[in-house]
Amino acid sequence: MLTISNSVALADWEIDLTQIRAQGNGGQNVNKVASAVHLRFDVQRSTLPGFYKERLMQLSDQRISKEGVIIIKAQSHRTLELNKEDALARLKTMILEAVKVHKARRATAPSKGAKRRRVDSKTRKGKIKAMRGKVQD
């Protein structure tokens, strides 16, 4: 059971965890131990609320297929248990980030004082740089 929030949780049958061999360094051990994890989560078939499903499907994340299956590969740790925890934590983070409502940006203009200060500092810098020229005889 993966708890997303107070009212939303995912059952174990919704998340498919598969053991695979990790890639990369690790010496001889990497060739014989399946310690990496492939996590598959079907958004459309899940028990998530409709709002969660819509927001997840709107994401332009390469980990989400066109059919709505989230695939996460965890292989950064040496043990299977830590990789499972990492994959589940990354799924939870992904769902929470998709559902987060961002505050709408309101366009503002700089004040007259701010404009004046900016122009004054530009002219001051320009005068300093003008004095760096060749000395006239």
Protein backbone atom coordinates (compact mmCIF):
# COMPACT_ATOMS: atom_id res chain seq x y z
CA MET A 1 0.00 0.00 0.00
CA LEU A 2 1.49 3.33 -1.10
CA THR A 3 -0.04 6.36 0.67
CA ILE A 4 -0.11 9.46 -1.52
CA SER A 5 -2.12 11.77 0.74
CA ASN A 6 -4.60 11.51 3.62
CA SER A 7 -7.41 10.43 1.31
CA VAL A 8 -5.52 8.80 -1.59
CA ALA A 9 -3.65 5.50 -1.45
CA LEU A 10 -2.58 2.95 -4.04
CA ALA A 11 -3.13 -0.77 -3.47
CA ASP A 12 -0.33 -3.28 -4.05
CA TRP A 13 -2.08 -4.83 -7.08
CA GLU A 14 -1.92 -1.49 -8.94
CA ILE A 15 1.88 -1.31 -8.86
CA ASP A 16 3.87 -3.93 -10.76
CA LEU A 17 7.44 -4.35 -9.46
CA THR A 18 9.81 -6.50 -11.51
CA GLN A 19 13.39 -7.44 -10.65
CA ILE A 20 15.95 -6.88 -13.40
CA ARG A 21 19.71 -6.84 -13.64
CA ALA A 22 21.28 -3.47 -13.08
CA GLN A 23 23.47 -1.89 -15.73
CA GLY A 24 26.83 -0.27 -15.30
CA ASN A 25 29.68 -0.85 -12.88
CA GLY A 26 29.66 -3.45 -10.16
CA GLY A 27 32.21 -6.04 -11.16
CA GLN A 28 31.28 -9.70 -11.31
CA ASN A 29 28.35 -9.24 -8.92
CA VAL A 30 26.38 -7.14 -11.42
CA ASN A 31 26.13 -10.09 -13.82
CA LYS A 32 24.54 -12.52 -11.36
CA VAL A 33 22.29 -10.48 -9.05
CA ALA A 34 18.97 -8.92 -10.12
CA SER A 35 18.94 -5.94 -7.78
CA ALA A 36 17.40 -3.27 -10.02
CA VAL A 37 13.63 -2.67 -10.11
CA HIS A 38 11.24 -1.88 -12.96
CA LEU A 39 8.07 -0.22 -11.61
CA ARG A 40 5.01 -0.14 -13.86
CA PHE A 41 1.88 1.79 -12.91
CA ASP A 42 -1.15 2.01 -15.22
CA VAL A 43 -2.77 5.39 -14.62
CA GLN A 44 -6.01 4.62 -16.49
CA ARG A 45 -6.73 1.36 -14.62
CA SER A 46 -5.76 2.73 -11.21
CA THR A 47 -8.07 3.75 -8.38
CA LEU A 48 -6.75 7.32 -8.38
CA PRO A 49 -9.39 10.09 -8.44
CA GLY A 50 -10.22 11.53 -11.86
CA PHE A 51 -8.41 14.79 -11.16
CA TYR A 52 -5.17 12.91 -10.43
CA LYS A 53 -5.50 10.85 -13.63
CA GLU A 54 -6.11 13.94 -15.78
CA ARG A 55 -3.14 15.82 -14.36
CA LEU A 56 -0.82 12.81 -14.76
CA MET A 57 -1.87 12.29 -18.38
CA GLN A 58 -1.23 15.98 -19.15
CA LEU A 59 2.41 15.69 -18.05
CA SER A 60 5.00 15.69 -20.81
CA ASP A 61 7.27 13.22 -19.04
CA GLN A 62 9.18 10.58 -20.96
CA ARG A 63 8.45 8.04 -18.21
CA ILE A 64 4.73 8.06 -19.15
CA SER A 65 3.78 6.09 -22.27
CA LYS A 66 0.96 7.08 -24.63
CA GLU A 67 -1.22 4.36 -23.11
CA GLY A 68 -0.80 5.97 -19.68
CA VAL A 69 1.68 3.54 -18.12
CA ILE A 70 4.33 5.05 -15.86
CA ILE A 71 7.63 3.16 -16.04
CA ILE A 72 10.31 3.91 -13.46
CA LYS A 73 13.67 2.11 -13.37
CA ALA A 74 15.52 2.19 -10.04
CA GLN A 75 19.08 0.89 -9.95
CA SER A 76 21.07 3.42 -7.94
CA HIS A 77 21.36 1.25 -4.81
CA ARG A 78 23.10 -2.10 -4.30
CA THR A 79 20.15 -3.91 -2.70
CA LEU A 80 16.75 -4.81 -4.08
CA GLU A 81 14.89 -3.44 -1.05
CA LEU A 82 16.45 0.02 -1.32
CA ASN A 83 15.75 0.13 -5.06
CA LYS A 84 12.08 -0.79 -4.41
CA GLU A 85 11.78 2.01 -1.85
CA ASP A 86 13.46 4.43 -4.27
CA ALA A 87 11.09 3.51 -7.12
CA LEU A 88 7.99 3.88 -4.91
CA ALA A 89 9.22 7.22 -3.55
CA ARG A 90 9.83 8.50 -7.09
CA LEU A 91 6.30 7.42 -8.13
CA LYS A 92 4.80 9.21 -5.12
CA THR A 93 6.82 12.37 -5.87
CA MET A 94 5.74 12.28 -9.51
CA ILE A 95 2.05 12.00 -8.58
CA LEU A 96 2.28 14.78 -5.98
CA GLU A 97 4.10 17.12 -8.39
CA ALA A 98 1.46 16.54 -11.08
CA VAL A 99 -1.38 17.36 -8.70
CA LYS A 100 0.24 20.47 -7.21
CA VAL A 101 -1.69 23.59 -8.26
CA HIS A 102 0.69 26.36 -9.21
CA LYS A 103 -0.16 29.94 -8.39
CA ALA A 104 -1.02 31.96 -11.50
CA ARG A 105 1.54 34.64 -12.33
CA ARG A 106 0.24 38.18 -12.36
CA ALA A 107 2.15 40.54 -14.62
CA THR A 108 3.53 43.64 -12.90
CA ALA A 109 5.39 46.72 -14.09
CA PRO A 110 8.37 48.37 -12.37
CA SER A 111 7.66 51.58 -10.48
CA LYS A 112 8.86 55.01 -11.63
CA GLY A 113 11.48 55.09 -8.88
CA ALA A 114 12.83 51.70 -9.94
CA LYS A 115 13.06 52.83 -13.58
CA ARG A 116 14.85 56.04 -12.55
CA ARG A 117 17.34 54.16 -10.35
CA ARG A 118 18.10 51.72 -13.16
CA VAL A 119 18.74 54.49 -15.70
CA ASP A 120 20.85 56.46 -13.19
CA SER A 121 23.07 53.47 -12.49
CA LYS A 122 23.46 52.84 -16.23
CA THR A 123 24.55 56.44 -16.88
CA ARG A 124 26.93 56.32 -13.89
CA LYS A 125 28.55 53.13 -15.22
CA GLY A 126 28.71 54.68 -18.70
CA LYS A 127 30.56 57.74 -17.37
CA ILE A 128 33.06 55.52 -15.52
CA LYS A 129 33.71 53.49 -18.66
CA ALA A 130 34.06 56.67 -20.79
CA MET A 131 36.88 57.80 -18.53
CA ARG A 132 38.83 54.63 -19.33
CA GLY A 133 39.65 55.84 -22.85
CA LYS A 134 42.95 57.16 -24.16
CA VAL A 135 44.33 60.25 -22.58
CA GLN A 136 44.15 63.27 -24.91
CA ASP A 137 47.36 65.37 -25.22
